[in-house]
Amino acid sequence: RIVPDELVQWGGTDNADILAWIPKGEPGDW
């Protein structure tokens, strides 16, 4: 469970879709 202010955007698409990490646990496994 997370609120948008905690997300970290690591990618996106040409359609403006967002790929975001949920920073929970070990960073390599987010």
Full PDB file with SEQRES, HELIX, SHEET, SSBOND, CRYST1, ORIGX, SCALE, CONECT and MASTER records, all heavy atoms in Angstrom:
SEQRES   1 A   30  ARG ILE VAL PRO ASP GLU LEU VAL GLN TRP GLY GLY THR          
SEQRES   2 A   30  ASP ASN ALA ASP ILE LEU ALA TRP ILE PRO LYS GLY GLU          
SEQRES   3 A   30  PRO GLY ASP TRP                                              
HELIX    1 AA1 PRO A    4  GLU A    6  5                                   3    
HELIX    2 AA2 PRO A   27  ASP A   29  5                                   3    
SHEET    1 AA1 2 VAL A   8  GLY A  12  0                                        
SHEET    2 AA1 2 ILE A  18  TRP A  21 -1                                        
CRYST1    1.000    1.000    1.000  90.00  90.00  90.00 P 1           1          
ORIGX1      1.000000  0.000000  0.000000        0.00000                         
ORIGX2      0.000000  1.000000  0.000000        0.00000                         
ORIGX3      0.000000  0.000000  1.000000        0.00000                         
SCALE1      1.000000  0.000000  0.000000        0.00000                         
SCALE2      0.000000  1.000000  0.000000        0.00000                         
SCALE3      0.000000  0.000000  1.000000        0.00000                         
ATOM      1  N   ARG A   1       0.847  -1.199   0.000  1.00  0.00           N  
ATOM      2  CA  ARG A   1       0.000   0.000   0.000  1.00  0.00           C  
ATOM      3  C   ARG A   1       0.881   1.246   0.000  1.00  0.00           C  
ATOM      4  O   ARG A   1       1.860   1.319   0.741  1.00  0.00           O  
ATOM      5  CB  ARG A   1      -0.910   0.033   1.210  1.00  0.00           C  
ATOM      6  CG  ARG A   1      -2.042  -0.932   1.100  1.00  0.00           C  
ATOM      7  CD  ARG A   1      -3.143  -0.373   0.196  1.00  0.00           C  
ATOM      8  NE  ARG A   1      -4.206  -1.353   0.170  1.00  0.00           N  
ATOM      9  CZ  ARG A   1      -4.683  -1.866  -0.928  1.00  0.00           C  
ATOM     10  NH1 ARG A   1      -4.234  -1.496  -2.085  1.00  0.00           N  
ATOM     11  NH2 ARG A   1      -5.646  -2.747  -0.880  1.00  0.00           N  
ATOM     12  N   ILE A   2       0.509   2.202  -0.819  1.00  0.00           N  
ATOM     13  CA  ILE A   2       1.347   3.373  -0.995  1.00  0.00           C  
ATOM     14  C   ILE A   2       0.502   4.549  -1.456  1.00  0.00           C  
ATOM     15  O   ILE A   2      -0.570   4.355  -2.028  1.00  0.00           O  
ATOM     16  CB  ILE A   2       2.465   3.061  -2.021  1.00  0.00           C  
ATOM     17  CG1 ILE A   2       3.545   4.114  -1.990  1.00  0.00           C  
ATOM     18  CG2 ILE A   2       1.911   2.882  -3.406  1.00  0.00           C  
ATOM     19  CD1 ILE A   2       4.836   3.641  -2.592  1.00  0.00           C  
ATOM     20  N   VAL A   3       0.968   5.728  -1.205  1.00  0.00           N  
ATOM     21  CA  VAL A   3       0.332   6.932  -1.740  1.00  0.00           C  
ATOM     22  C   VAL A   3       1.196   7.426  -2.891  1.00  0.00           C  
ATOM     23  O   VAL A   3       2.401   7.141  -2.939  1.00  0.00           O  
ATOM     24  CB  VAL A   3       0.165   8.029  -0.655  1.00  0.00           C  
ATOM     25  CG1 VAL A   3      -0.778   7.562   0.444  1.00  0.00           C  
ATOM     26  CG2 VAL A   3       1.495   8.453  -0.085  1.00  0.00           C  
ATOM     27  N   PRO A   4       0.606   8.149  -3.839  1.00  0.00           N  
ATOM     28  CA  PRO A   4       1.369   8.582  -5.022  1.00  0.00           C  
ATOM     29  C   PRO A   4       2.648   9.351  -4.705  1.00  0.00           C  
ATOM     30  O   PRO A   4       3.625   9.241  -5.447  1.00  0.00           O  
ATOM     31  CB  PRO A   4       0.371   9.447  -5.782  1.00  0.00           C  
ATOM     32  CG  PRO A   4      -0.956   8.892  -5.397  1.00  0.00           C  
ATOM     33  CD  PRO A   4      -0.806   8.480  -3.958  1.00  0.00           C  
ATOM     34  N   ASP A   5       2.678  10.090  -3.591  1.00  0.00           N  
ATOM     35  CA  ASP A   5       3.887  10.851  -3.249  1.00  0.00           C  
ATOM     36  C   ASP A   5       5.070   9.969  -2.866  1.00  0.00           C  
ATOM     37  O   ASP A   5       6.180  10.467  -2.707  1.00  0.00           O  
ATOM     38  CB  ASP A   5       3.603  11.832  -2.115  1.00  0.00           C  
ATOM     39  CG  ASP A   5       3.274  13.218  -2.631  1.00  0.00           C  
ATOM     40  OD1 ASP A   5       3.287  13.426  -3.863  1.00  0.00           O  
ATOM     41  OD2 ASP A   5       3.007  14.101  -1.803  1.00  0.00           O  
ATOM     42  N   GLU A   6       4.847   8.667  -2.705  1.00  0.00           N  
ATOM     43  CA  GLU A   6       5.937   7.751  -2.374  1.00  0.00           C  
ATOM     44  C   GLU A   6       6.490   7.041  -3.613  1.00  0.00           C  
ATOM     45  O   GLU A   6       7.563   6.463  -3.552  1.00  0.00           O  
ATOM     46  CB  GLU A   6       5.453   6.707  -1.373  1.00  0.00           C  
ATOM     47  CG  GLU A   6       5.088   7.285  -0.023  1.00  0.00           C  
ATOM     48  CD  GLU A   6       4.495   6.240   0.893  1.00  0.00           C  
ATOM     49  OE1 GLU A   6       3.341   5.846   0.666  1.00  0.00           O  
ATOM     50  OE2 GLU A   6       5.206   5.827   1.826  1.00  0.00           O  
ATOM     51  N   LEU A   7       5.771   7.072  -4.711  1.00  0.00           N  
ATOM     52  CA  LEU A   7       6.209   6.379  -5.925  1.00  0.00           C  
ATOM     53  C   LEU A   7       7.456   7.033  -6.512  1.00  0.00           C  
ATOM     54  O   LEU A   7       7.672   8.237  -6.370  1.00  0.00           O  
ATOM     55  CB  LEU A   7       5.097   6.386  -6.972  1.00  0.00           C  
ATOM     56  CG  LEU A   7       3.819   5.641  -6.614  1.00  0.00           C  
ATOM     57  CD1 LEU A   7       2.746   5.898  -7.668  1.00  0.00           C  
ATOM     58  CD2 LEU A   7       4.097   4.151  -6.482  1.00  0.00           C  
ATOM     59  N   VAL A   8       8.263   6.227  -7.205  1.00  0.00           N  
ATOM     60  CA  VAL A   8       9.461   6.707  -7.891  1.00  0.00           C  
ATOM     61  C   VAL A   8       9.342   6.285  -9.352  1.00  0.00           C  
ATOM     62  O   VAL A   8       9.356   5.085  -9.654  1.00  0.00           O  
ATOM     63  CB  VAL A   8      10.745   6.113  -7.268  1.00  0.00           C  
ATOM     64  CG1 VAL A   8      11.978   6.572  -8.043  1.00  0.00           C  
ATOM     65  CG2 VAL A   8      10.842   6.469  -5.796  1.00  0.00           C  
ATOM     66  N   GLN A   9       9.221   7.250 -10.251  1.00  0.00           N  
ATOM     67  CA  GLN A   9       9.032   6.910 -11.666  1.00  0.00           C  
ATOM     68  C   GLN A   9      10.359   6.539 -12.315  1.00  0.00           C  
ATOM     69  O   GLN A   9      11.257   7.356 -12.426  1.00  0.00           O  
ATOM     70  CB  GLN A   9       8.394   8.066 -12.432  1.00  0.00           C  
ATOM     71  CG  GLN A   9       8.068   7.662 -13.856  1.00  0.00           C  
ATOM     72  CD  GLN A   9       7.378   8.745 -14.652  1.00  0.00           C  
ATOM     73  OE1 GLN A   9       7.155   9.847 -14.184  1.00  0.00           O  
ATOM     74  NE2 GLN A   9       7.041   8.413 -15.884  1.00  0.00           N  
ATOM     75  N   TRP A  10      10.460   5.289 -12.783  1.00  0.00           N  
ATOM     76  CA  TRP A  10      11.676   4.821 -13.431  1.00  0.00           C  
ATOM     77  C   TRP A  10      11.501   4.602 -14.931  1.00  0.00           C  
ATOM     78  O   TRP A  10      12.457   4.307 -15.638  1.00  0.00           O  
ATOM     79  CB  TRP A  10      12.213   3.554 -12.766  1.00  0.00           C  
ATOM     80  CG  TRP A  10      11.298   2.359 -12.834  1.00  0.00           C  
ATOM     81  CD1 TRP A  10      10.424   1.946 -11.889  1.00  0.00           C  
ATOM     82  CD2 TRP A  10      11.188   1.412 -13.905  1.00  0.00           C  
ATOM     83  NE1 TRP A  10       9.770   0.813 -12.297  1.00  0.00           N  
ATOM     84  CE2 TRP A  10      10.219   0.463 -13.530  1.00  0.00           C  
ATOM     85  CE3 TRP A  10      11.815   1.278 -15.152  1.00  0.00           C  
ATOM     86  CZ2 TRP A  10       9.864  -0.607 -14.351  1.00  0.00           C  
ATOM     87  CZ3 TRP A  10      11.459   0.212 -15.970  1.00  0.00           C  
ATOM     88  CH2 TRP A  10      10.497  -0.715 -15.568  1.00  0.00           C  
ATOM     89  N   GLY A  11      10.282   4.758 -15.419  1.00  0.00           N  
ATOM     90  CA  GLY A  11      10.056   4.564 -16.846  1.00  0.00           C  
ATOM     91  C   GLY A  11       8.737   5.161 -17.270  1.00  0.00           C  
ATOM     92  O   GLY A  11       7.937   5.625 -16.443  1.00  0.00           O  
ATOM     93  N   GLY A  12       8.529   5.167 -18.561  1.00  0.00           N  
ATOM     94  CA  GLY A  12       7.291   5.689 -19.114  1.00  0.00           C  
ATOM     95  C   GLY A  12       7.124   5.217 -20.542  1.00  0.00           C  
ATOM     96  O   GLY A  12       7.994   4.534 -21.093  1.00  0.00           O  
ATOM     97  N   THR A  13       6.000   5.563 -21.129  1.00  0.00           N  
ATOM     98  CA  THR A  13       5.747   5.174 -22.516  1.00  0.00           C  
ATOM     99  C   THR A  13       5.466   6.404 -23.363  1.00  0.00           C  
ATOM    100  O   THR A  13       5.223   7.500 -22.845  1.00  0.00           O  
ATOM    101  CB  THR A  13       4.531   4.233 -22.623  1.00  0.00           C  
ATOM    102  OG1 THR A  13       3.338   4.977 -22.352  1.00  0.00           O  
ATOM    103  CG2 THR A  13       4.652   3.036 -21.692  1.00  0.00           C  
ATOM    104  N   ASP A  14       5.475   6.212 -24.664  1.00  0.00           N  
ATOM    105  CA  ASP A  14       5.124   7.297 -25.577  1.00  0.00           C  
ATOM    106  C   ASP A  14       3.674   7.725 -25.402  1.00  0.00           C  
ATOM    107  O   ASP A  14       3.287   8.791 -25.862  1.00  0.00           O  
ATOM    108  CB  ASP A  14       5.376   6.890 -27.033  1.00  0.00           C  
ATOM    109  CG  ASP A  14       6.824   7.092 -27.449  1.00  0.00           C  
ATOM    110  OD1 ASP A  14       7.613   7.609 -26.636  1.00  0.00           O  
ATOM    111  OD2 ASP A  14       7.169   6.744 -28.585  1.00  0.00           O  
ATOM    112  N   ASN A  15       2.857   6.909 -24.753  1.00  0.00           N  
ATOM    113  CA  ASN A  15       1.456   7.260 -24.478  1.00  0.00           C  
ATOM    114  C   ASN A  15       1.304   7.985 -23.139  1.00  0.00           C  
ATOM    115  O   ASN A  15       0.187   8.245 -22.715  1.00  0.00           O  
ATOM    116  CB  ASN A  15       0.575   6.011 -24.466  1.00  0.00           C  
ATOM    117  CG  ASN A  15       0.467   5.387 -25.833  1.00  0.00           C  
ATOM    118  OD1 ASN A  15       0.789   6.001 -26.840  1.00  0.00           O  
ATOM    119  ND2 ASN A  15       0.008   4.146 -25.875  1.00  0.00           N  
ATOM    120  N   ALA A  16       2.418   8.259 -22.470  1.00  0.00           N  
ATOM    121  CA  ALA A  16       2.461   8.929 -21.164  1.00  0.00           C  
ATOM    122  C   ALA A  16       2.044   8.027 -20.005  1.00  0.00           C  
ATOM    123  O   ALA A  16       1.706   8.508 -18.930  1.00  0.00           O  
ATOM    124  CB  ALA A  16       1.665  10.229 -21.162  1.00  0.00           C  
ATOM    125  N   ASP A  17       2.052   6.710 -20.208  1.00  0.00           N  
ATOM    126  CA  ASP A  17       1.854   5.780 -19.100  1.00  0.00           C  
ATOM    127  C   ASP A  17       3.092   5.852 -18.208  1.00  0.00           C  
ATOM    128  O   ASP A  17       4.190   6.179 -18.675  1.00  0.00           O  
ATOM    129  CB  ASP A  17       1.683   4.343 -19.610  1.00  0.00           C  
ATOM    130  CG  ASP A  17       0.571   4.223 -20.638  1.00  0.00           C  
ATOM    131  OD1 ASP A  17      -0.542   4.715 -20.375  1.00  0.00           O  
ATOM    132  OD2 ASP A  17       0.829   3.648 -21.719  1.00  0.00           O  
ATOM    133  N   ILE A  18       2.929   5.551 -16.929  1.00  0.00           N  
ATOM    134  CA  ILE A  18       3.996   5.679 -15.939  1.00  0.00           C  
ATOM    135  C   ILE A  18       4.364   4.308 -15.401  1.00  0.00           C  
ATOM    136  O   ILE A  18       3.491   3.516 -15.054  1.00  0.00           O  
ATOM    137  CB  ILE A  18       3.529   6.588 -14.784  1.00  0.00           C  
ATOM    138  CG1 ILE A  18       3.355   8.016 -15.286  1.00  0.00           C  
ATOM    139  CG2 ILE A  18       4.473   6.509 -13.597  1.00  0.00           C  
ATOM    140  CD1 ILE A  18       2.666   8.931 -14.289  1.00  0.00           C  
ATOM    141  N   LEU A  19       5.665   4.034 -15.320  1.00  0.00           N  
ATOM    142  CA  LEU A  19       6.170   2.855 -14.617  1.00  0.00           C  
ATOM    143  C   LEU A  19       6.884   3.376 -13.388  1.00  0.00           C  
ATOM    144  O   LEU A  19       7.834   4.158 -13.498  1.00  0.00           O  
ATOM    145  CB  LEU A  19       7.138   2.057 -15.500  1.00  0.00           C  
ATOM    146  CG  LEU A  19       6.467   1.281 -16.642  1.00  0.00           C  
ATOM    147  CD1 LEU A  19       6.334   2.160 -17.865  1.00  0.00           C  
ATOM    148  CD2 LEU A  19       7.241   0.042 -16.966  1.00  0.00           C  
ATOM    149  N   ALA A  20       6.388   2.990 -12.214  1.00  0.00           N  
ATOM    150  CA  ALA A  20       6.929   3.540 -10.969  1.00  0.00           C  
ATOM    151  C   ALA A  20       7.216   2.439  -9.963  1.00  0.00           C  
ATOM    152  O   ALA A  20       6.456   1.479  -9.845  1.00  0.00           O  
ATOM    153  CB  ALA A  20       5.956   4.550 -10.370  1.00  0.00           C  
ATOM    154  N   TRP A  21       8.324   2.632  -9.272  1.00  0.00           N  
ATOM    155  CA  TRP A  21       8.657   1.728  -8.184  1.00  0.00           C  
ATOM    156  C   TRP A  21       7.774   2.013  -6.984  1.00  0.00           C  
ATOM    157  O   TRP A  21       7.433   3.164  -6.707  1.00  0.00           O  
ATOM    158  CB  TRP A  21      10.092   1.927  -7.728  1.00  0.00           C  
ATOM    159  CG  TRP A  21      11.133   1.295  -8.574  1.00  0.00           C  
ATOM    160  CD1 TRP A  21      11.167   0.032  -9.065  1.00  0.00           C  
ATOM    161  CD2 TRP A  21      12.344   1.931  -9.000  1.00  0.00           C  
ATOM    162  NE1 TRP A  21      12.319  -0.177  -9.776  1.00  0.00           N  
ATOM    163  CE2 TRP A  21      13.057   0.981  -9.750  1.00  0.00           C  
ATOM    164  CE3 TRP A  21      12.884   3.195  -8.818  1.00  0.00           C  
ATOM    165  CZ2 TRP A  21      14.299   1.262 -10.316  1.00  0.00           C  
ATOM    166  CZ3 TRP A  21      14.110   3.476  -9.380  1.00  0.00           C  
ATOM    167  CH2 TRP A  21      14.807   2.514 -10.127  1.00  0.00           C  
ATOM    168  N   ILE A  22       7.473   0.959  -6.266  1.00  0.00           N  
ATOM    169  CA  ILE A  22       6.871   1.049  -4.944  1.00  0.00           C  
ATOM    170  C   ILE A  22       8.023   0.769  -3.991  1.00  0.00           C  
ATOM    171  O   ILE A  22       8.475  -0.371  -3.877  1.00  0.00           O  
ATOM    172  CB  ILE A  22       5.733   0.026  -4.776  1.00  0.00           C  
ATOM    173  CG1 ILE A  22       4.638   0.296  -5.800  1.00  0.00           C  
ATOM    174  CG2 ILE A  22       5.212   0.053  -3.355  1.00  0.00           C  
ATOM    175  CD1 ILE A  22       3.568  -0.779  -5.857  1.00  0.00           C  
ATOM    176  N   PRO A  23       8.571   1.816  -3.360  1.00  0.00           N  
ATOM    177  CA  PRO A  23       9.792   1.636  -2.567  1.00  0.00           C  
ATOM    178  C   PRO A  23       9.549   0.923  -1.239  1.00  0.00           C  
ATOM    179  O   PRO A  23       9.533   1.528  -0.174  1.00  0.00           O  
ATOM    180  CB  PRO A  23      10.308   3.062  -2.370  1.00  0.00           C  
ATOM    181  CG  PRO A  23       9.106   3.921  -2.496  1.00  0.00           C  
ATOM    182  CD  PRO A  23       8.157   3.213  -3.418  1.00  0.00           C  
ATOM    183  N   LYS A  24       9.360  -0.376  -1.336  1.00  0.00           N  
ATOM    184  CA  LYS A  24       9.157  -1.230  -0.154  1.00  0.00           C  
ATOM    185  C   LYS A  24      10.130  -2.400  -0.256  1.00  0.00           C  
ATOM    186  O   LYS A  24      10.225  -3.045  -1.300  1.00  0.00           O  
ATOM    187  CB  LYS A  24       7.731  -1.776  -0.102  1.00  0.00           C  
ATOM    188  CG  LYS A  24       6.645  -0.721  -0.107  1.00  0.00           C  
ATOM    189  CD  LYS A  24       6.467  -0.097   1.246  1.00  0.00           C  
ATOM    190  CE  LYS A  24       5.321   0.884   1.196  1.00  0.00           C  
ATOM    191  NZ  LYS A  24       4.838   1.286   2.452  1.00  0.00           N  
ATOM    192  N   GLY A  25      10.878  -2.675   0.799  1.00  0.00           N  
ATOM    193  CA  GLY A  25      11.830  -3.772   0.789  1.00  0.00           C  
ATOM    194  C   GLY A  25      13.178  -3.320   0.243  1.00  0.00           C  
ATOM    195  O   GLY A  25      13.526  -2.139   0.274  1.00  0.00           O  
ATOM    196  N   GLU A  26      13.941  -4.267  -0.265  1.00  0.00           N  
ATOM    197  CA  GLU A  26      15.262  -3.981  -0.815  1.00  0.00           C  
ATOM    198  C   GLU A  26      15.132  -3.271  -2.159  1.00  0.00           C  
ATOM    199  O   GLU A  26      14.350  -3.700  -3.020  1.00  0.00           O  
ATOM    200  CB  GLU A  26      16.043  -5.286  -0.997  1.00  0.00           C  
ATOM    201  CG  GLU A  26      16.415  -5.964   0.295  1.00  0.00           C  
ATOM    202  CD  GLU A  26      17.340  -5.111   1.145  1.00  0.00           C  
ATOM    203  OE1 GLU A  26      18.299  -4.521   0.605  1.00  0.00           O  
ATOM    204  OE2 GLU A  26      17.086  -5.016   2.363  1.00  0.00           O  
ATOM    205  N   PRO A  27      15.897  -2.189  -2.391  1.00  0.00           N  
ATOM    206  CA  PRO A  27      15.760  -1.419  -3.635  1.00  0.00           C  
ATOM    207  C   PRO A  27      15.845  -2.249  -4.918  1.00  0.00           C  
ATOM    208  O   PRO A  27      15.105  -1.996  -5.866  1.00  0.00           O  
ATOM    209  CB  PRO A  27      16.900  -0.401  -3.546  1.00  0.00           C  
ATOM    210  CG  PRO A  27      17.089  -0.202  -2.079  1.00  0.00           C  
ATOM    211  CD  PRO A  27      16.834  -1.560  -1.465  1.00  0.00           C  
ATOM    212  N   GLY A  28      16.702  -3.237  -4.964  1.00  0.00           N  
ATOM    213  CA  GLY A  28      16.814  -4.057  -6.169  1.00  0.00           C  
ATOM    214  C   GLY A  28      15.596  -4.916  -6.438  1.00  0.00           C  
ATOM    215  O   GLY A  28      15.432  -5.452  -7.533  1.00  0.00           O  
ATOM    216  N   ASP A  29      14.729  -5.041  -5.436  1.00  0.00           N  
ATOM    217  CA  ASP A  29      13.538  -5.879  -5.549  1.00  0.00           C  
ATOM    218  C   ASP A  29      12.242  -5.084  -5.517  1.00  0.00           C  
ATOM    219  O   ASP A  29      11.162  -5.669  -5.404  1.00  0.00           O  
ATOM    220  CB  ASP A  29      13.510  -6.912  -4.414  1.00  0.00           C  
ATOM    221  CG  ASP A  29      14.684  -7.857  -4.465  1.00  0.00           C  
ATOM    222  OD1 ASP A  29      15.140  -8.185  -5.573  1.00  0.00           O  
ATOM    223  OD2 ASP A  29      15.160  -8.258  -3.385  1.00  0.00           O  
ATOM    224  N   TRP A  30      12.322  -3.753  -5.575  1.00  0.00           N  
ATOM    225  CA  TRP A  30      11.106  -2.951  -5.511  1.00  0.00           C  
ATOM    226  C   TRP A  30      10.135  -3.350  -6.610  1.00  0.00           C  
ATOM    227  O   TRP A  30      10.522  -3.453  -7.786  1.00  0.00           O  
ATOM    228  CB  TRP A  30      11.428  -1.477  -5.661  1.00  0.00           C  
ATOM    229  CG  TRP A  30      12.052  -0.839  -4.453  1.00  0.00           C  
ATOM    230  CD1 TRP A  30      12.206  -1.377  -3.201  1.00  0.00           C  
ATOM    231  CD2 TRP A  30      12.613   0.473  -4.397  1.00  0.00           C  
ATOM    232  NE1 TRP A  30      12.822  -0.481  -2.372  1.00  0.00           N  
ATOM    233  CE2 TRP A  30      13.086   0.665  -3.073  1.00  0.00           C  
ATOM    234  CE3 TRP A  30      12.755   1.488  -5.323  1.00  0.00           C  
ATOM    235  CZ2 TRP A  30      13.692   1.845  -2.669  1.00  0.00           C  
ATOM    236  CZ3 TRP A  30      13.369   2.664  -4.913  1.00  0.00           C  
ATOM    237  CH2 TRP A  30      13.827   2.842  -3.603  1.00  0.00           C  
TER     238      TRP A  30                                                      
MASTER        0    0    0    2    2    0    0    6  237    1    0    3          
END                                                                             
